[in-house]
Amino acid sequence: MSILTQAVRVYEHGGVEQLRLEEVEVPPPAAGEIQIQQKAIGLNFIDIYFRTGLYKAPLPHGLGFEGAGIVTAVGEGVTRFKEGDRVAYGQSPLGAYAKVRNLPAKQAVHLPNGIAFEEAAAVMLKGLTVQYLFRQTYRLTAGETILFHAAAGGVGLIACQWAKALGVNLIGTASSDEKTALAKQYGAWETINYTTENVPARVIELTQGAKVPVVYDGVGKSTWEMSLDCLRPRGLMVSYGNASGAVTGVDLGILAAKGSLFVTRPTVGTHVDTAEKMQAAADELFEHILAGNIKVVIDQTYPLSEVAKAQTELAARKTTGATVLIP
């Protein structure tokens, strides 16, 4: 039997005025799906990309990929979950901005009792991002020194803590002294204020001229060139986001000129493309949280009805840590 709930819908791409909180009908979960009564929803930059149309999806569509809640129904063939289970997810079909939703069971993970719904919604996508960046795209080892842009953001603060837990020296960049101080507080080895300091020059100084083997860059267009200048020969540029706009018009010859560099543009989905990989990555994340190595930093919460305000403040870089929507 279908139920009525509230969800955010986008009918045209554009500004936050396109976000509509509407009453929608949610059918029973189909085969392979679970239905979740959501307790918390994660807010991410990628949500803005889908609202504006930078990332494409057929209109009209929902928004959001991340949330946590309680299973209220299971579809045919679902054996991993039952009604009443605590679950979380960080990669799902568009539609997390809702009070109740269905999603493929293979994209959900079991949530330990020691982790709150708000923490899970804040950390799943960002935490799985750091997991694949640090443990899969380039497997970090103790003693290495790396560069991580936007170190005071939601992904960045998790990265600072995870790097410290691994014994890795993370050099974090941020746009203000307040944000660099925050990154340092959460485990960054050193920090660079990129509005007042020359990032490559500072990296060369901090590494005694060696530069770094890997740069993690979720900013995109505005940091592309400086990131390449921080890499040692045959270093890896990991461009995983577009907060300042997409990197375009790249001349591959620049990679040769700057030291036979490697570049990858990874996504979460290709690293956790089965239920087993998803649960394994989440379990590694949850272990760090339960051990106290990673503190989930939720600096802003908004009711789902204030989603426009939440996205506006995220886009204006007025937020730190993670932002959670409460249905």
C-alpha atoms as a PDB file:
ATOM      1  CA  MET A   1       0.000   0.000   0.000  1.00  0.00           C
ATOM      2  CA  SER A   2       1.351   3.424  -0.977  1.00  0.00           C
ATOM      3  CA  ILE A   3       1.911   6.092   1.642  1.00  0.00           C
ATOM      4  CA  LEU A   4       1.988   9.884   1.467  1.00  0.00           C
ATOM      5  CA  THR A   5       5.087  11.740   2.578  1.00  0.00           C
ATOM      6  CA  GLN A   6       6.984  14.968   1.920  1.00  0.00           C
ATOM      7  CA  ALA A   7       9.909  15.228  -0.468  1.00  0.00           C
ATOM      8  CA  VAL A   8      11.874  17.928  -2.303  1.00  0.00           C
ATOM      9  CA  ARG A   9      11.400  18.018  -6.072  1.00  0.00           C
ATOM     10  CA  VAL A  10      13.147  19.998  -8.827  1.00  0.00           C
ATOM     11  CA  TYR A  11      11.128  20.755 -11.983  1.00  0.00           C
ATOM     12  CA  GLU A  12      13.606  23.134 -13.647  1.00  0.00           C
ATOM     13  CA  HIS A  13      17.327  23.620 -13.156  1.00  0.00           C
ATOM     14  CA  GLY A  14      18.454  26.861 -11.556  1.00  0.00           C
ATOM     15  CA  GLY A  15      18.688  28.589  -8.198  1.00  0.00           C
ATOM     16  CA  VAL A  16      17.312  27.575  -4.823  1.00  0.00           C
ATOM     17  CA  GLU A  17      13.902  28.908  -5.859  1.00  0.00           C
ATOM     18  CA  GLN A  18      13.563  25.680  -7.877  1.00  0.00           C
ATOM     19  CA  LEU A  19      13.476  23.572  -4.695  1.00  0.00           C
ATOM     20  CA  ARG A  20       9.889  22.529  -3.912  1.00  0.00           C
ATOM     21  CA  LEU A  21       8.861  20.600  -0.800  1.00  0.00           C
ATOM     22  CA  GLU A  22       5.780  18.658  -1.873  1.00  0.00           C
ATOM     23  CA  GLU A  23       3.506  15.858  -0.760  1.00  0.00           C
ATOM     24  CA  VAL A  24       4.388  12.759  -2.754  1.00  0.00           C
ATOM     25  CA  GLU A  25       3.230   9.163  -2.903  1.00  0.00           C
ATOM     26  CA  VAL A  26       5.709   6.424  -2.022  1.00  0.00           C
ATOM     27  CA  PRO A  27       4.756   2.950  -3.299  1.00  0.00           C
ATOM     28  CA  PRO A  28       5.632  -0.257  -1.427  1.00  0.00           C
ATOM     29  CA  PRO A  29       9.269  -1.251  -1.968  1.00  0.00           C
ATOM     30  CA  ALA A  30       9.832  -3.158  -5.193  1.00  0.00           C
ATOM     31  CA  ALA A  31      11.841  -6.363  -5.454  1.00  0.00           C
ATOM     32  CA  GLY A  32      15.346  -5.735  -4.128  1.00  0.00           C
ATOM     33  CA  GLU A  33      14.338  -2.504  -2.374  1.00  0.00           C
ATOM     34  CA  ILE A  34      13.848  -1.377   1.205  1.00  0.00           C
ATOM     35  CA  GLN A  35      11.652   1.429   2.526  1.00  0.00           C
ATOM     36  CA  ILE A  36      13.192   3.784   5.077  1.00  0.00           C
ATOM     37  CA  GLN A  37      11.630   6.163   7.573  1.00  0.00           C
ATOM     38  CA  GLN A  38      14.392   8.741   7.428  1.00  0.00           C
ATOM     39  CA  LYS A  39      15.775  10.301  10.594  1.00  0.00           C
ATOM     40  CA  ALA A  40      18.496  12.471   9.039  1.00  0.00           C
ATOM     41  CA  ILE A  41      19.652  13.502   5.545  1.00  0.00           C
ATOM     42  CA  GLY A  42      23.118  14.562   4.414  1.00  0.00           C
ATOM     43  CA  LEU A  43      23.692  17.803   2.470  1.00  0.00           C
ATOM     44  CA  ASN A  44      26.491  17.789  -0.116  1.00  0.00           C
ATOM     45  CA  PHE A  45      27.881  20.001  -2.884  1.00  0.00           C
ATOM     46  CA  ILE A  46      26.837  17.412  -5.464  1.00  0.00           C
ATOM     47  CA  ASP A  47      23.199  18.177  -4.552  1.00  0.00           C
ATOM     48  CA  ILE A  48      23.741  21.734  -5.782  1.00  0.00           C
ATOM     49  CA  TYR A  49      25.287  20.451  -9.036  1.00  0.00           C
ATOM     50  CA  PHE A  50      22.109  18.459  -9.743  1.00  0.00           C
ATOM     51  CA  ARG A  51      19.875  21.406  -8.834  1.00  0.00           C
ATOM     52  CA  THR A  52      21.711  23.758 -11.212  1.00  0.00           C
ATOM     53  CA  GLY A  53      22.040  21.198 -13.995  1.00  0.00           C
ATOM     54  CA  LEU A  54      25.853  20.972 -13.939  1.00  0.00           C
ATOM     55  CA  TYR A  55      25.200  17.267 -13.407  1.00  0.00           C
ATOM     56  CA  LYS A  56      22.318  15.980 -15.490  1.00  0.00           C
ATOM     57  CA  ALA A  57      19.265  13.958 -14.494  1.00  0.00           C
ATOM     58  CA  PRO A  58      15.855  13.753 -16.222  1.00  0.00           C
ATOM     59  CA  LEU A  59      13.437  16.363 -14.894  1.00  0.00           C
ATOM     60  CA  PRO A  60      11.539  16.424 -12.622  1.00  0.00           C
ATOM     61  CA  HIS A  61      13.726  14.741 -10.037  1.00  0.00           C
ATOM     62  CA  GLY A  62      14.478  14.639  -6.331  1.00  0.00           C
ATOM     63  CA  LEU A  63      17.779  15.560  -4.690  1.00  0.00           C
ATOM     64  CA  GLY A  64      20.232  14.014  -2.299  1.00  0.00           C
ATOM     65  CA  PHE A  65      22.176  10.765  -2.071  1.00  0.00           C
ATOM     66  CA  GLU A  66      22.759  10.316   1.654  1.00  0.00           C
ATOM     67  CA  GLY A  67      20.692   9.546   4.704  1.00  0.00           C
ATOM     68  CA  ALA A  68      19.969   7.305   7.664  1.00  0.00           C
ATOM     69  CA  GLY A  69      16.895   5.866   9.288  1.00  0.00           C
ATOM     70  CA  ILE A  70      14.883   2.768  10.123  1.00  0.00           C
ATOM     71  CA  VAL A  71      13.701   0.091   7.701  1.00  0.00           C
ATOM     72  CA  THR A  72       9.888   0.041   7.638  1.00  0.00           C
ATOM     73  CA  ALA A  73       9.347  -2.467   4.809  1.00  0.00           C
ATOM     74  CA  VAL A  74      11.377  -4.794   2.591  1.00  0.00           C
ATOM     75  CA  GLY A  75      10.752  -5.822  -0.988  1.00  0.00           C
ATOM     76  CA  GLU A  76      10.767  -9.293  -2.463  1.00  0.00           C
ATOM     77  CA  GLY A  77      14.117 -11.047  -2.344  1.00  0.00           C
ATOM     78  CA  VAL A  78      15.682  -8.791   0.293  1.00  0.00           C
ATOM     79  CA  THR A  79      17.456 -10.900   2.919  1.00  0.00           C
ATOM     80  CA  ARG A  80      20.149  -8.543   4.278  1.00  0.00           C
ATOM     81  CA  PHE A  81      17.618  -6.306   6.053  1.00  0.00           C
ATOM     82  CA  LYS A  82      14.409  -6.609   8.037  1.00  0.00           C
ATOM     83  CA  GLU A  83      11.872  -4.172   9.467  1.00  0.00           C
ATOM     84  CA  GLY A  84      13.318  -2.218  12.371  1.00  0.00           C
ATOM     85  CA  ASP A  85      16.950  -2.370  11.197  1.00  0.00           C
ATOM     86  CA  ARG A  86      19.035   0.783  11.561  1.00  0.00           C
ATOM     87  CA  VAL A  87      20.540   1.645   8.175  1.00  0.00           C
ATOM     88  CA  ALA A  88      22.521   4.344   6.420  1.00  0.00           C
ATOM     89  CA  TYR A  89      23.526   5.047   2.845  1.00  0.00           C
ATOM     90  CA  GLY A  90      25.838   7.392   1.007  1.00  0.00           C
ATOM     91  CA  GLN A  91      25.211   6.435  -2.620  1.00  0.00           C
ATOM     92  CA  SER A  92      21.631   6.088  -3.810  1.00  0.00           C
ATOM     93  CA  PRO A  93      19.338   7.153  -6.632  1.00  0.00           C
ATOM     94  CA  LEU A  94      18.400  10.830  -6.368  1.00  0.00           C
ATOM     95  CA  GLY A  95      15.773  11.355  -3.707  1.00  0.00           C
ATOM     96  CA  ALA A  96      17.272  11.485  -0.202  1.00  0.00           C
ATOM     97  CA  TYR A  97      15.544  14.805   0.521  1.00  0.00           C
ATOM     98  CA  ALA A  98      12.404  13.037   1.760  1.00  0.00           C
ATOM     99  CA  LYS A  99      10.767  11.862   4.979  1.00  0.00           C
ATOM    100  CA  VAL A 100      10.172   8.350   3.629  1.00  0.00           C
ATOM    101  CA  ARG A 101      11.825   6.777   0.610  1.00  0.00           C
ATOM    102  CA  ASN A 102      12.589   3.506  -1.147  1.00  0.00           C
ATOM    103  CA  LEU A 103      16.079   2.583  -2.277  1.00  0.00           C
ATOM    104  CA  PRO A 104      17.938  -0.503  -3.543  1.00  0.00           C
ATOM    105  CA  ALA A 105      18.929  -2.674  -0.595  1.00  0.00           C
ATOM    106  CA  LYS A 106      22.397  -3.158  -2.087  1.00  0.00           C
ATOM    107  CA  GLN A 107      23.123   0.546  -1.526  1.00  0.00           C
ATOM    108  CA  ALA A 108      22.344   0.518   2.199  1.00  0.00           C
ATOM    109  CA  VAL A 109      24.570  -0.615   5.064  1.00  0.00           C
ATOM    110  CA  HIS A 110      23.871  -1.779   8.585  1.00  0.00           C
ATOM    111  CA  LEU A 111      24.404   1.049  11.087  1.00  0.00           C
ATOM    112  CA  PRO A 112      25.944   0.126  14.465  1.00  0.00           C
ATOM    113  CA  ASN A 113      23.977   1.126  17.557  1.00  0.00           C
ATOM    114  CA  GLY A 114      26.855   3.306  18.751  1.00  0.00           C
ATOM    115  CA  ILE A 115      26.499   5.751  15.846  1.00  0.00           C
ATOM    116  CA  ALA A 116      23.603   8.257  15.784  1.00  0.00           C
ATOM    117  CA  PHE A 117      21.429   8.742  12.692  1.00  0.00           C
ATOM    118  CA  GLU A 118      22.614  12.357  12.397  1.00  0.00           C
ATOM    119  CA  GLU A 119      26.242  11.224  12.497  1.00  0.00           C
ATOM    120  CA  ALA A 120      25.612   8.586   9.842  1.00  0.00           C
ATOM    121  CA  ALA A 121      23.790  10.999   7.524  1.00  0.00           C
ATOM    122  CA  ALA A 122      26.612  13.500   7.938  1.00  0.00           C
ATOM    123  CA  VAL A 123      29.413  11.032   7.390  1.00  0.00           C
ATOM    124  CA  MET A 124      28.371   8.358   4.893  1.00  0.00           C
ATOM    125  CA  LEU A 125      29.133  10.043   1.557  1.00  0.00           C
ATOM    126  CA  LYS A 126      32.014  12.090   2.934  1.00  0.00           C
ATOM    127  CA  GLY A 127      33.400   9.164   4.911  1.00  0.00           C
ATOM    128  CA  LEU A 128      33.110   6.711   2.024  1.00  0.00           C
ATOM    129  CA  THR A 129      34.809   9.360  -0.118  1.00  0.00           C
ATOM    130  CA  VAL A 130      37.783   9.521   2.246  1.00  0.00           C
ATOM    131  CA  GLN A 131      37.829   5.723   2.497  1.00  0.00           C
ATOM    132  CA  TYR A 132      38.180   5.234  -1.248  1.00  0.00           C
ATOM    133  CA  LEU A 133      40.607   8.176  -1.632  1.00  0.00           C
ATOM    134  CA  PHE A 134      42.939   7.028   1.152  1.00  0.00           C
ATOM    135  CA  ARG A 135      42.534   3.248   0.967  1.00  0.00           C
ATOM    136  CA  GLN A 136      41.758   2.519  -2.692  1.00  0.00           C
ATOM    137  CA  THR A 137      42.570   5.299  -5.207  1.00  0.00           C
ATOM    138  CA  TYR A 138      45.989   5.770  -3.575  1.00  0.00           C
ATOM    139  CA  ARG A 139      46.612   3.554  -0.558  1.00  0.00           C
ATOM    140  CA  LEU A 140      48.328   5.749   1.991  1.00  0.00           C
ATOM    141  CA  THR A 141      51.049   4.411   4.277  1.00  0.00           C
ATOM    142  CA  ALA A 142      52.348   5.774   7.560  1.00  0.00           C
ATOM    143  CA  GLY A 143      55.033   8.439   7.229  1.00  0.00           C
ATOM    144  CA  GLU A 144      53.870   9.857   3.884  1.00  0.00           C
ATOM    145  CA  THR A 145      53.141  13.549   3.433  1.00  0.00           C
ATOM    146  CA  ILE A 146      50.140  14.536   1.295  1.00  0.00           C
ATOM    147  CA  LEU A 147      48.257  17.669   0.227  1.00  0.00           C
ATOM    148  CA  PHE A 148      44.499  17.915   0.791  1.00  0.00           C
ATOM    149  CA  HIS A 149      42.513  20.936  -0.412  1.00  0.00           C
ATOM    150  CA  ALA A 150      39.499  22.373   1.456  1.00  0.00           C
ATOM    151  CA  ALA A 151      40.675  20.684   4.629  1.00  0.00           C
ATOM    152  CA  ALA A 152      38.086  22.434   6.830  1.00  0.00           C
ATOM    153  CA  GLY A 153      35.082  21.218   4.838  1.00  0.00           C
ATOM    154  CA  GLY A 154      32.962  18.171   5.543  1.00  0.00           C
ATOM    155  CA  VAL A 155      35.221  15.774   3.628  1.00  0.00           C
ATOM    156  CA  GLY A 156      38.332  17.614   4.742  1.00  0.00           C
ATOM    157  CA  LEU A 157      37.784  17.322   8.481  1.00  0.00           C
ATOM    158  CA  ILE A 158      37.259  13.567   8.132  1.00  0.00           C
ATOM    159  CA  ALA A 159      40.384  13.371   5.966  1.00  0.00           C
ATOM    160  CA  CYS A 160      42.447  15.233   8.587  1.00  0.00           C
ATOM    161  CA  GLN A 161      41.417  12.772  11.271  1.00  0.00           C
ATOM    162  CA  TRP A 162      41.767   9.646   9.126  1.00  0.00           C
ATOM    163  CA  ALA A 163      45.221  10.698   7.942  1.00  0.00           C
ATOM    164  CA  LYS A 164      46.355  11.225  11.530  1.00  0.00           C
ATOM    165  CA  ALA A 165      45.008   7.782  12.494  1.00  0.00           C
ATOM    166  CA  LEU A 166      47.080   6.279   9.661  1.00  0.00           C
ATOM    167  CA  GLY A 167      50.238   8.130  10.699  1.00  0.00           C
ATOM    168  CA  VAL A 168      50.142  10.272   7.535  1.00  0.00           C
ATOM    169  CA  ASN A 169      51.226  13.937   7.492  1.00  0.00           C
ATOM    170  CA  LEU A 170      48.357  15.855   5.907  1.00  0.00           C
ATOM    171  CA  ILE A 171      49.019  19.378   4.654  1.00  0.00           C
ATOM    172  CA  GLY A 172      45.594  21.022   4.460  1.00  0.00           C
ATOM    173  CA  THR A 173      44.599  24.137   2.526  1.00  0.00           C
ATOM    174  CA  ALA A 174      41.709  26.445   3.418  1.00  0.00           C
ATOM    175  CA  SER A 175      40.461  29.948   2.611  1.00  0.00           C
ATOM    176  CA  SER A 176      40.885  31.648   6.000  1.00  0.00           C
ATOM    177  CA  ASP A 177      42.966  31.540   9.165  1.00  0.00           C
ATOM    178  CA  GLU A 178      39.897  30.339  11.074  1.00  0.00           C
ATOM    179  CA  LYS A 179      39.489  27.386   8.734  1.00  0.00           C
ATOM    180  CA  THR A 180      43.174  26.464   8.761  1.00  0.00           C
ATOM    181  CA  ALA A 181      43.035  26.498  12.568  1.00  0.00           C
ATOM    182  CA  LEU A 182      40.030  24.168  12.459  1.00  0.00           C
ATOM    183  CA  ALA A 183      41.858  21.736  10.148  1.00  0.00           C
ATOM    184  CA  LYS A 184      44.836  21.765  12.503  1.00  0.00           C
ATOM    185  CA  GLN A 185      42.534  21.092  15.433  1.00  0.00           C
ATOM    186  CA  TYR A 186      41.223  17.982  13.670  1.00  0.00           C
ATOM    187  CA  GLY A 187      44.574  16.478  12.859  1.00  0.00           C
ATOM    188  CA  ALA A 188      46.190  18.277   9.935  1.00  0.00           C
ATOM    189  CA  TRP A 189      49.976  18.150  10.241  1.00  0.00           C
ATOM    190  CA  GLU A 190      50.399  21.605   8.678  1.00  0.00           C
ATOM    191  CA  THR A 191      48.028  24.041   6.974  1.00  0.00           C
ATOM    192  CA  ILE A 192      48.179  26.670   4.227  1.00  0.00           C
ATOM    193  CA  ASN A 193      45.847  29.647   3.812  1.00  0.00           C
ATOM    194  CA  TYR A 194      45.637  29.742   0.022  1.00  0.00           C
ATOM    195  CA  THR A 195      44.300  33.329  -0.006  1.00  0.00           C
ATOM    196  CA  THR A 196      47.470  34.706   1.598  1.00  0.00           C
ATOM    197  CA  GLU A 197      50.164  32.072   0.946  1.00  0.00           C
ATOM    198  CA  ASN A 198      51.734  30.551  -2.161  1.00  0.00           C
ATOM    199  CA  VAL A 199      50.639  26.934  -1.921  1.00  0.00           C
ATOM    200  CA  PRO A 200      53.336  25.235  -4.077  1.00  0.00           C
ATOM    201  CA  ALA A 201      56.111  27.281  -2.458  1.00  0.00           C
ATOM    202  CA  ARG A 202      54.859  26.381   1.017  1.00  0.00           C
ATOM    203  CA  VAL A 203      54.571  22.676   0.097  1.00  0.00           C
ATOM    204  CA  ILE A 204      58.159  22.708  -1.199  1.00  0.00           C
ATOM    205  CA  GLU A 205      59.253  24.342   2.061  1.00  0.00           C
ATOM    206  CA  LEU A 206      57.353  21.879   4.269  1.00  0.00           C
ATOM    207  CA  THR A 207      58.711  18.846   2.388  1.00  0.00           C
ATOM    208  CA  GLN A 208      62.301  20.136   2.141  1.00  0.00           C
ATOM    209  CA  GLY A 209      61.962  20.279  -1.628  1.00  0.00           C
ATOM    210  CA  ALA A 210      60.601  16.742  -2.087  1.00  0.00           C
ATOM    211  CA  LYS A 211      56.979  17.785  -2.826  1.00  0.00           C
ATOM    212  CA  VAL A 212      54.170  15.240  -2.290  1.00  0.00           C
ATOM    213  CA  PRO A 213      53.307  11.898  -3.921  1.00  0.00           C
ATOM    214  CA  VAL A 214      49.576  12.649  -4.087  1.00  0.00           C
ATOM    215  CA  VAL A 215      47.264  15.664  -4.052  1.00  0.00           C
ATOM    216  CA  TYR A 216      43.582  15.264  -3.201  1.00  0.00           C
ATOM    217  CA  ASP A 217      41.621  18.072  -4.843  1.00  0.00           C
ATOM    218  CA  GLY A 218      37.869  18.477  -4.455  1.00  0.00           C
ATOM    219  CA  VAL A 219      37.950  22.166  -5.397  1.00  0.00           C
ATOM    220  CA  GLY A 220      38.585  21.832  -9.136  1.00  0.00           C
ATOM    221  CA  LYS A 221      39.170  24.678 -11.529  1.00  0.00           C
ATOM    222  CA  SER A 222      40.786  27.221  -9.197  1.00  0.00           C
ATOM    223  CA  THR A 223      43.317  24.808  -7.674  1.00  0.00           C
ATOM    224  CA  TRP A 224      44.209  22.638 -10.694  1.00  0.00           C
ATOM    225  CA  GLU A 225      47.480  24.331 -11.691  1.00  0.00           C
ATOM    226  CA  MET A 226      48.739  24.853  -8.148  1.00  0.00           C
ATOM    227  CA  SER A 227      48.001  21.210  -7.346  1.00  0.00           C
ATOM    228  CA  LEU A 228      50.164  19.971 -10.214  1.00  0.00           C
ATOM    229  CA  ASP A 229      53.013  22.186  -8.994  1.00  0.00           C
ATOM    230  CA  CYS A 230      52.928  20.459  -5.592  1.00  0.00           C
ATOM    231  CA  LEU A 231      53.505  16.958  -6.987  1.00  0.00           C
ATOM    232  CA  ARG A 232      56.848  15.190  -7.142  1.00  0.00           C
ATOM    233  CA  PRO A 233      57.774  13.469 -10.436  1.00  0.00           C
ATOM    234  CA  ARG A 234      55.329  10.656 -11.236  1.00  0.00           C
ATOM    235  CA  GLY A 235      52.995  11.917  -8.512  1.00  0.00           C
ATOM    236  CA  LEU A 236      49.232  11.383  -8.620  1.00  0.00           C
ATOM    237  CA  MET A 237      46.706  14.192  -8.968  1.00  0.00           C
ATOM    238  CA  VAL A 238      43.354  12.996  -7.568  1.00  0.00           C
ATOM    239  CA  SER A 239      40.681  15.420  -8.813  1.00  0.00           C
ATOM    240  CA  TYR A 240      37.496  14.266  -7.109  1.00  0.00           C
ATOM    241  CA  GLY A 241      35.269  17.375  -7.041  1.00  0.00           C
ATOM    242  CA  ASN A 242      34.312  20.691  -8.671  1.00  0.00           C
ATOM    243  CA  ALA A 243      33.546  23.126  -5.845  1.00  0.00           C
ATOM    244  CA  SER A 244      35.051  26.027  -7.843  1.00  0.00           C
ATOM    245  CA  GLY A 245      33.927  24.723 -11.245  1.00  0.00           C
ATOM    246  CA  ALA A 246      34.935  21.844 -13.486  1.00  0.00           C
ATOM    247  CA  VAL A 247      38.486  21.407 -14.766  1.00  0.00           C
ATOM    248  CA  THR A 248      38.280  21.778 -18.551  1.00  0.00           C
ATOM    249  CA  GLY A 249      40.571  22.287 -21.543  1.00  0.00           C
ATOM    250  CA  VAL A 250      43.462  20.331 -20.076  1.00  0.00           C
ATOM    251  CA  ASP A 251      46.552  19.990 -22.259  1.00  0.00           C
ATOM    252  CA  LEU A 252      47.980  16.560 -21.440  1.00  0.00           C
ATOM    253  CA  GLY A 253      51.431  17.857 -22.279  1.00  0.00           C
ATOM    254  CA  ILE A 254      51.435  19.746 -18.985  1.00  0.00           C
ATOM    255  CA  LEU A 255      51.629  16.399 -17.184  1.00  0.00           C
ATOM    256  CA  ALA A 256      54.857  15.587 -18.988  1.00  0.00           C
ATOM    257  CA  ALA A 257      56.310  19.043 -18.420  1.00  0.00           C
ATOM    258  CA  LYS A 258      55.652  18.889 -14.675  1.00  0.00           C
ATOM    259  CA  GLY A 259      57.210  15.450 -14.149  1.00  0.00           C
ATOM    260  CA  SER A 260      55.362  12.584 -15.884  1.00  0.00           C
ATOM    261  CA  LEU A 261      52.396  13.084 -13.579  1.00  0.00           C
ATOM    262  CA  PHE A 262      49.352  10.858 -13.249  1.00  0.00           C
ATOM    263  CA  VAL A 263      45.780  12.185 -13.035  1.00  0.00           C
ATOM    264  CA  THR A 264      42.574  10.424 -12.024  1.00  0.00           C
ATOM    265  CA  ARG A 265      38.980  11.642 -11.736  1.00  0.00           C
ATOM    266  CA  PRO A 266      37.433   9.030  -9.411  1.00  0.00           C
ATOM    267  CA  THR A 267      33.938   8.651  -7.962  1.00  0.00           C
ATOM    268  CA  VAL A 268      32.559   6.825  -4.957  1.00  0.00           C
ATOM    269  CA  GLY A 269      30.271   4.636  -7.036  1.00  0.00           C
ATOM    270  CA  THR A 270      32.974   2.798  -8.937  1.00  0.00           C
ATOM    271  CA  HIS A 271      34.808   1.956  -5.708  1.00  0.00           C
ATOM    272  CA  VAL A 272      31.782   0.572  -3.817  1.00  0.00           C
ATOM    273  CA  ASP A 273      29.809  -0.983  -6.662  1.00  0.00           C
ATOM    274  CA  THR A 274      28.584  -4.070  -4.773  1.00  0.00           C
ATOM    275  CA  ALA A 275      26.794  -4.507  -1.446  1.00  0.00           C
ATOM    276  CA  GLU A 276      29.858  -6.303  -0.076  1.00  0.00           C
ATOM    277  CA  LYS A 277      32.282  -3.521  -1.061  1.00  0.00           C
ATOM    278  CA  MET A 278      29.886  -0.887   0.287  1.00  0.00           C
ATOM    279  CA  GLN A 279      29.497  -2.607   3.655  1.00  0.00           C
ATOM    280  CA  ALA A 280      33.251  -3.265   3.919  1.00  0.00           C
ATOM    281  CA  ALA A 281      34.112   0.381   3.232  1.00  0.00           C
ATOM    282  CA  ALA A 282      31.442   1.556   5.684  1.00  0.00           C
ATOM    283  CA  ASP A 283      32.636  -0.879   8.350  1.00  0.00           C
ATOM    284  CA  GLU A 284      36.167   0.554   8.112  1.00  0.00           C
ATOM    285  CA  LEU A 285      34.705   4.043   8.527  1.00  0.00           C
ATOM    286  CA  PHE A 286      32.473   2.999  11.433  1.00  0.00           C
ATOM    287  CA  GLU A 287      35.411   1.314  13.197  1.00  0.00           C
ATOM    288  CA  HIS A 288      37.328   4.604  13.193  1.00  0.00           C
ATOM    289  CA  ILE A 289      34.278   6.476  14.523  1.00  0.00           C
ATOM    290  CA  LEU A 290      33.581   3.953  17.283  1.00  0.00           C
ATOM    291  CA  ALA A 291      37.285   3.929  18.248  1.00  0.00           C
ATOM    292  CA  GLY A 292      37.248   7.712  18.582  1.00  0.00           C
ATOM    293  CA  ASN A 293      39.718   8.276  15.723  1.00  0.00           C
ATOM    294  CA  ILE A 294      37.114  10.186  13.701  1.00  0.00           C
ATOM    295  CA  LYS A 295      34.709  12.631  15.278  1.00  0.00           C
ATOM    296  CA  VAL A 296      31.757  13.479  13.057  1.00  0.00           C
ATOM    297  CA  VAL A 297      31.603  17.271  12.934  1.00  0.00           C
ATOM    298  CA  ILE A 298      28.044  18.545  12.416  1.00  0.00           C
ATOM    299  CA  ASP A 299      28.170  22.318  12.588  1.00  0.00           C
ATOM    300  CA  GLN A 300      24.800  23.055  10.976  1.00  0.00           C
ATOM    301  CA  THR A 301      21.375  21.406  11.052  1.00  0.00           C
ATOM    302  CA  TYR A 302      18.283  22.618   9.218  1.00  0.00           C
ATOM    303  CA  PRO A 303      14.740  21.303   9.004  1.00  0.00           C
ATOM    304  CA  LEU A 304      13.979  19.876   5.557  1.00  0.00           C
ATOM    305  CA  SER A 305      11.661  22.866   5.005  1.00  0.00           C
ATOM    306  CA  GLU A 306      14.733  25.176   5.083  1.00  0.00           C
ATOM    307  CA  VAL A 307      16.667  23.307   2.392  1.00  0.00           C
ATOM    308  CA  ALA A 308      17.001  26.465   0.245  1.00  0.00           C
ATOM    309  CA  LYS A 309      18.758  28.303   3.090  1.00  0.00           C
ATOM    310  CA  ALA A 310      20.985  25.294   3.725  1.00  0.00           C
ATOM    311  CA  GLN A 311      22.119  25.069   0.095  1.00  0.00           C
ATOM    312  CA  THR A 312      22.643  28.841  -0.134  1.00  0.00           C
ATOM    313  CA  GLU A 313      24.958  28.866   2.874  1.00  0.00           C
ATOM    314  CA  LEU A 314      26.857  25.787   1.668  1.00  0.00           C
ATOM    315  CA  ALA A 315      27.444  27.357  -1.764  1.00  0.00           C
ATOM    316  CA  ALA A 316      28.598  30.629  -0.147  1.00  0.00           C
ATOM    317  CA  ARG A 317      31.234  28.724   1.884  1.00  0.00           C
ATOM    318  CA  LYS A 318      29.559  29.908   5.107  1.00  0.00           C
ATOM    319  CA  THR A 319      29.526  26.402   6.561  1.00  0.00           C
ATOM    320  CA  THR A 320      32.175  24.283   8.241  1.00  0.00           C
ATOM    321  CA  GLY A 321      32.105  20.581   8.886  1.00  0.00           C
ATOM    322  CA  ALA A 322      28.958  18.739   7.832  1.00  0.00           C
ATOM    323  CA  THR A 323      25.395  19.936   7.381  1.00  0.00           C
ATOM    324  CA  VAL A 324      22.391  17.723   8.134  1.00  0.00           C
ATOM    325  CA  LEU A 325      18.740  18.107   7.154  1.00  0.00           C
ATOM    326  CA  ILE A 326      16.166  16.821   9.653  1.00  0.00           C
ATOM    327  CA  PRO A 327      12.947  15.479   8.052  1.00  0.00           C
END
